[in-house]
């Protein structure tokens, strides 16, 4: 799975990027057939925001966002939301396309 990061004008430590990468890899084990992930780090004043977008085949995407005063809790919150969405996707019956 390909993982990409984007952060502009923000000084993120190498350890934070590695923590994010490890966390995404652990979360992707719960998401069947995940093909890629994109993690965005944004900062506006004292608020730090992390957005995680995981893509899967057929264009389906899981998007989770969280914010906080520090990067670590914001990343953890977004990952928690992502895992919760993934577990709901697994239990949801397959969507059926009506034949025309």
N, C-alpha and C. Protein backbone atom coordinates (compact mmCIF):
# COMPACT_ATOMS: atom_id res chain seq x y z
N UNK A 1 0.85 -1.18 0.00
CA UNK A 1 0.00 0.00 0.00
C UNK A 1 0.90 1.24 0.00
N UNK A 2 0.53 2.19 -0.81
CA UNK A 2 1.29 3.43 -0.94
C UNK A 2 0.77 4.45 0.07
N UNK A 3 1.66 5.03 0.84
CA UNK A 3 1.29 6.03 1.83
C UNK A 3 2.00 7.33 1.47
N UNK A 4 1.23 8.41 1.38
CA UNK A 4 1.84 9.71 1.08
C UNK A 4 1.43 10.72 2.15
N UNK A 5 2.29 11.68 2.37
CA UNK A 5 2.07 12.71 3.38
C UNK A 5 2.11 14.07 2.73
N UNK A 6 1.32 15.00 3.25
CA UNK A 6 1.43 16.38 2.80
C UNK A 6 1.34 17.29 4.01
N UNK A 7 2.29 18.22 4.06
CA UNK A 7 2.31 19.24 5.10
C UNK A 7 3.09 20.41 4.55
N UNK A 8 2.47 21.55 4.54
CA UNK A 8 3.10 22.73 3.96
C UNK A 8 3.32 23.78 5.04
N UNK A 9 4.54 24.25 5.10
CA UNK A 9 4.86 25.29 6.06
C UNK A 9 4.85 24.83 7.50
N UNK A 10 4.90 23.52 7.71
CA UNK A 10 4.85 22.95 9.05
C UNK A 10 6.12 22.14 9.27
N UNK A 11 6.75 22.35 10.39
CA UNK A 11 7.94 21.57 10.72
C UNK A 11 7.53 20.33 11.50
N UNK A 12 7.36 19.21 10.80
CA UNK A 12 7.04 17.94 11.45
C UNK A 12 8.33 17.17 11.67
N UNK A 13 8.41 16.53 12.81
CA UNK A 13 9.60 15.74 13.09
C UNK A 13 9.54 14.43 12.32
N UNK A 14 10.71 13.86 12.09
CA UNK A 14 10.79 12.57 11.41
C UNK A 14 10.09 11.49 12.22
N UNK A 15 10.16 11.60 13.56
CA UNK A 15 9.51 10.59 14.40
C UNK A 15 7.99 10.65 14.27
N UNK A 16 7.43 11.85 14.08
CA UNK A 16 5.97 11.96 13.91
C UNK A 16 5.56 11.33 12.58
N UNK A 17 6.33 11.52 11.53
CA UNK A 17 6.00 10.91 10.25
C UNK A 17 6.11 9.39 10.32
N UNK A 18 7.12 8.89 11.02
CA UNK A 18 7.26 7.44 11.17
C UNK A 18 6.13 6.87 12.02
N UNK A 19 5.73 7.61 13.05
CA UNK A 19 4.60 7.16 13.88
C UNK A 19 3.33 7.08 13.05
N UNK A 20 3.12 8.09 12.21
CA UNK A 20 1.94 8.10 11.34
C UNK A 20 1.99 6.94 10.36
N UNK A 21 3.15 6.67 9.79
CA UNK A 21 3.28 5.57 8.83
C UNK A 21 3.01 4.22 9.48
N UNK A 22 3.58 4.00 10.67
CA UNK A 22 3.33 2.73 11.38
C UNK A 22 1.85 2.58 11.74
N UNK A 23 1.23 3.67 12.18
CA UNK A 23 -0.17 3.61 12.56
C UNK A 23 -1.07 3.32 11.35
N UNK A 24 -0.76 3.92 10.21
CA UNK A 24 -1.54 3.67 9.00
C UNK A 24 -1.39 2.22 8.57
N UNK A 25 -0.19 1.68 8.67
CA UNK A 25 0.03 0.28 8.29
C UNK A 25 -0.75 -0.66 9.22
N UNK A 26 -0.79 -0.36 10.52
CA UNK A 26 -1.57 -1.19 11.44
C UNK A 26 -3.06 -1.08 11.14
N UNK A 27 -3.53 0.14 10.87
CA UNK A 27 -4.95 0.33 10.57
C UNK A 27 -5.33 -0.32 9.25
N UNK A 28 -4.40 -0.35 8.29
CA UNK A 28 -4.73 -0.92 6.98
C UNK A 28 -4.94 -2.44 7.05
N UNK A 29 -4.45 -3.07 8.10
CA UNK A 29 -4.69 -4.50 8.27
C UNK A 29 -6.18 -4.78 8.49
N UNK A 30 -6.88 -3.81 9.02
CA UNK A 30 -8.32 -3.96 9.27
C UNK A 30 -9.16 -3.52 8.08
N UNK A 31 -8.53 -2.90 7.09
CA UNK A 31 -9.25 -2.42 5.92
C UNK A 31 -8.90 -3.35 4.76
N UNK A 32 -9.84 -4.18 4.34
CA UNK A 32 -9.52 -5.13 3.27
C UNK A 32 -9.27 -4.41 1.94
N UNK A 33 -8.26 -4.84 1.26
CA UNK A 33 -7.93 -4.37 -0.09
C UNK A 33 -7.66 -2.87 -0.18
N UNK A 34 -7.11 -2.28 0.85
CA UNK A 34 -6.74 -0.86 0.79
C UNK A 34 -5.59 -0.71 -0.20
N UNK A 35 -5.71 0.27 -1.08
CA UNK A 35 -4.69 0.45 -2.11
C UNK A 35 -3.76 1.61 -1.82
N UNK A 36 -4.18 2.57 -1.01
CA UNK A 36 -3.33 3.72 -0.73
C UNK A 36 -3.88 4.55 0.40
N UNK A 37 -3.03 5.39 0.95
CA UNK A 37 -3.45 6.30 2.01
C UNK A 37 -2.74 7.63 1.83
N UNK A 38 -3.44 8.69 2.16
CA UNK A 38 -2.87 10.02 2.11
C UNK A 38 -3.14 10.69 3.45
N UNK A 39 -2.10 11.21 4.08
CA UNK A 39 -2.23 11.85 5.38
C UNK A 39 -1.87 13.32 5.21
N UNK A 40 -2.80 14.19 5.60
CA UNK A 40 -2.57 15.64 5.51
C UNK A 40 -2.46 16.21 6.91
N UNK A 41 -1.43 17.01 7.11
CA UNK A 41 -1.24 17.72 8.36
C UNK A 41 -1.45 19.20 8.09
N UNK A 42 -2.37 19.84 8.81
CA UNK A 42 -2.64 21.26 8.66
C UNK A 42 -2.56 21.93 10.02
N UNK A 43 -2.15 23.19 10.01
CA UNK A 43 -2.08 23.94 11.25
C UNK A 43 -2.68 25.31 11.02
N UNK A 44 -3.57 25.69 11.92
CA UNK A 44 -4.18 27.02 11.86
C UNK A 44 -4.13 27.58 13.28
N UNK A 45 -3.20 28.47 13.52
CA UNK A 45 -3.02 28.99 14.86
C UNK A 45 -2.52 27.88 15.79
N UNK A 46 -3.24 27.70 16.90
CA UNK A 46 -2.86 26.66 17.86
C UNK A 46 -3.50 25.31 17.54
N UNK A 47 -4.43 25.29 16.58
CA UNK A 47 -5.14 24.05 16.25
C UNK A 47 -4.36 23.27 15.19
N UNK A 48 -4.15 22.00 15.49
CA UNK A 48 -3.48 21.11 14.56
C UNK A 48 -4.48 20.06 14.08
N UNK A 49 -4.54 19.88 12.78
CA UNK A 49 -5.56 19.00 12.20
C UNK A 49 -4.89 17.92 11.36
N UNK A 50 -5.37 16.69 11.51
CA UNK A 50 -4.87 15.56 10.74
C UNK A 50 -6.03 14.95 9.98
N UNK A 51 -5.86 14.76 8.68
CA UNK A 51 -6.88 14.13 7.84
C UNK A 51 -6.25 12.92 7.17
N UNK A 52 -6.93 11.78 7.27
CA UNK A 52 -6.45 10.54 6.66
C UNK A 52 -7.47 10.08 5.63
N UNK A 53 -7.01 9.84 4.41
CA UNK A 53 -7.88 9.35 3.34
C UNK A 53 -7.30 8.02 2.88
N UNK A 54 -8.09 6.95 3.02
CA UNK A 54 -7.68 5.62 2.57
C UNK A 54 -8.53 5.25 1.37
N UNK A 55 -7.87 4.85 0.28
CA UNK A 55 -8.59 4.47 -0.93
C UNK A 55 -8.59 2.96 -1.09
N UNK A 56 -9.64 2.48 -1.72
CA UNK A 56 -9.80 1.06 -1.99
C UNK A 56 -10.28 0.90 -3.43
N UNK A 57 -10.32 -0.33 -3.93
CA UNK A 57 -10.78 -0.54 -5.30
C UNK A 57 -12.20 -0.02 -5.52
N UNK A 58 -12.50 0.24 -6.76
CA UNK A 58 -13.80 0.76 -7.20
C UNK A 58 -14.09 2.15 -6.67
N UNK A 59 -13.05 2.88 -6.33
CA UNK A 59 -13.22 4.28 -5.95
C UNK A 59 -13.75 4.54 -4.56
N UNK A 60 -13.90 3.52 -3.73
CA UNK A 60 -14.39 3.77 -2.38
C UNK A 60 -13.28 4.37 -1.53
N UNK A 61 -13.67 5.30 -0.65
CA UNK A 61 -12.72 6.00 0.19
C UNK A 61 -13.24 6.07 1.62
N UNK A 62 -12.32 6.01 2.55
CA UNK A 62 -12.62 6.25 3.95
C UNK A 62 -11.86 7.51 4.34
N UNK A 63 -12.57 8.46 4.95
CA UNK A 63 -11.96 9.74 5.32
C UNK A 63 -12.19 9.96 6.81
N UNK A 64 -11.12 10.26 7.53
CA UNK A 64 -11.21 10.52 8.96
C UNK A 64 -10.39 11.76 9.28
N UNK A 65 -10.96 12.65 10.09
CA UNK A 65 -10.31 13.91 10.44
C UNK A 65 -10.45 14.14 11.93
N UNK A 66 -9.40 14.65 12.53
CA UNK A 66 -9.46 15.06 13.93
C UNK A 66 -8.49 16.21 14.15
N UNK A 67 -8.74 16.98 15.18
CA UNK A 67 -7.87 18.11 15.47
C UNK A 67 -7.62 18.20 16.97
N UNK A 68 -6.57 18.90 17.32
CA UNK A 68 -6.22 19.07 18.71
C UNK A 68 -5.10 20.08 18.85
N UNK A 69 -4.62 20.26 20.06
CA UNK A 69 -3.55 21.22 20.31
C UNK A 69 -2.18 20.64 19.96
N UNK A 70 -2.08 19.31 19.86
CA UNK A 70 -0.81 18.66 19.54
C UNK A 70 -1.04 17.63 18.45
N UNK A 71 0.04 17.28 17.72
CA UNK A 71 -0.07 16.35 16.60
C UNK A 71 -0.42 14.94 17.03
N UNK A 72 0.16 14.46 18.11
CA UNK A 72 -0.05 13.08 18.55
C UNK A 72 -1.52 12.75 18.82
N UNK A 73 -2.19 13.51 19.69
CA UNK A 73 -3.61 13.23 19.95
C UNK A 73 -4.50 13.40 18.71
N UNK A 74 -4.17 14.35 17.84
CA UNK A 74 -4.96 14.54 16.62
C UNK A 74 -4.82 13.33 15.70
N UNK A 75 -3.60 12.80 15.58
CA UNK A 75 -3.36 11.61 14.76
C UNK A 75 -4.08 10.40 15.35
N UNK A 76 -3.99 10.23 16.66
CA UNK A 76 -4.66 9.10 17.32
C UNK A 76 -6.17 9.16 17.15
N UNK A 77 -6.74 10.35 17.27
CA UNK A 77 -8.18 10.51 17.10
C UNK A 77 -8.63 10.19 15.68
N UNK A 78 -7.86 10.64 14.70
CA UNK A 78 -8.21 10.36 13.30
C UNK A 78 -8.11 8.86 13.02
N UNK A 79 -7.10 8.20 13.58
CA UNK A 79 -6.96 6.75 13.38
C UNK A 79 -8.10 5.98 14.03
N UNK A 80 -8.52 6.42 15.20
CA UNK A 80 -9.65 5.78 15.87
C UNK A 80 -10.90 5.88 15.01
N UNK A 81 -11.14 7.04 14.44
CA UNK A 81 -12.30 7.22 13.56
C UNK A 81 -12.18 6.38 12.30
N UNK A 82 -10.98 6.27 11.76
CA UNK A 82 -10.76 5.47 10.56
C UNK A 82 -11.05 4.00 10.82
N UNK A 83 -10.56 3.47 11.93
CA UNK A 83 -10.80 2.06 12.27
C UNK A 83 -12.27 1.81 12.51
N UNK A 84 -12.96 2.76 13.14
CA UNK A 84 -14.40 2.62 13.36
C UNK A 84 -15.16 2.58 12.04
N UNK A 85 -14.78 3.45 11.11
CA UNK A 85 -15.41 3.43 9.79
C UNK A 85 -15.15 2.11 9.07
N UNK A 86 -13.94 1.60 9.18
CA UNK A 86 -13.59 0.34 8.51
C UNK A 86 -14.40 -0.81 9.07
N UNK A 87 -14.62 -0.83 10.37
CA UNK A 87 -15.41 -1.93 10.94
C UNK A 87 -16.87 -1.83 10.52
N UNK A 88 -17.37 -0.62 10.35
CA UNK A 88 -18.75 -0.46 9.87
C UNK A 88 -18.86 -0.90 8.41
N UNK A 89 -17.84 -0.61 7.61
CA UNK A 89 -17.84 -1.02 6.20
C UNK A 89 -17.88 -2.54 6.09
N UNK A 90 -17.18 -3.23 6.96
CA UNK A 90 -17.16 -4.69 6.91
C UNK A 90 -18.53 -5.27 7.21
N UNK A 91 -19.27 -4.66 8.14
CA UNK A 91 -20.56 -5.22 8.55
C UNK A 91 -21.71 -4.80 7.64
N UNK A 92 -21.50 -3.78 6.83
CA UNK A 92 -22.54 -3.30 5.95
C UNK A 92 -22.70 -4.27 4.77
N UNK A 93 -23.93 -4.67 4.46
CA UNK A 93 -24.12 -5.55 3.30
C UNK A 93 -23.64 -4.86 2.03
N UNK A 94 -23.22 -5.66 1.10
CA UNK A 94 -22.72 -5.12 -0.16
C UNK A 94 -23.81 -4.32 -0.85
N UNK A 95 -23.39 -3.19 -1.42
CA UNK A 95 -24.36 -2.37 -2.13
C UNK A 95 -24.69 -3.03 -3.47
N UNK A 96 -25.94 -3.09 -3.77
CA UNK A 96 -26.37 -3.73 -5.02
C UNK A 96 -26.76 -2.68 -6.03
N UNK A 97 -26.33 -2.87 -7.22
CA UNK A 97 -26.63 -1.95 -8.31
C UNK A 97 -27.85 -2.46 -9.04
N UNK A 98 -28.85 -1.59 -9.17
CA UNK A 98 -30.07 -1.98 -9.87
C UNK A 98 -29.78 -2.10 -11.36
N UNK A 99 -30.23 -3.19 -11.93
CA UNK A 99 -30.02 -3.37 -13.36
C UNK A 99 -31.06 -2.58 -14.13
N UNK A 100 -30.61 -1.93 -15.15
CA UNK A 100 -31.51 -1.07 -15.93
C UNK A 100 -32.15 -1.84 -17.04
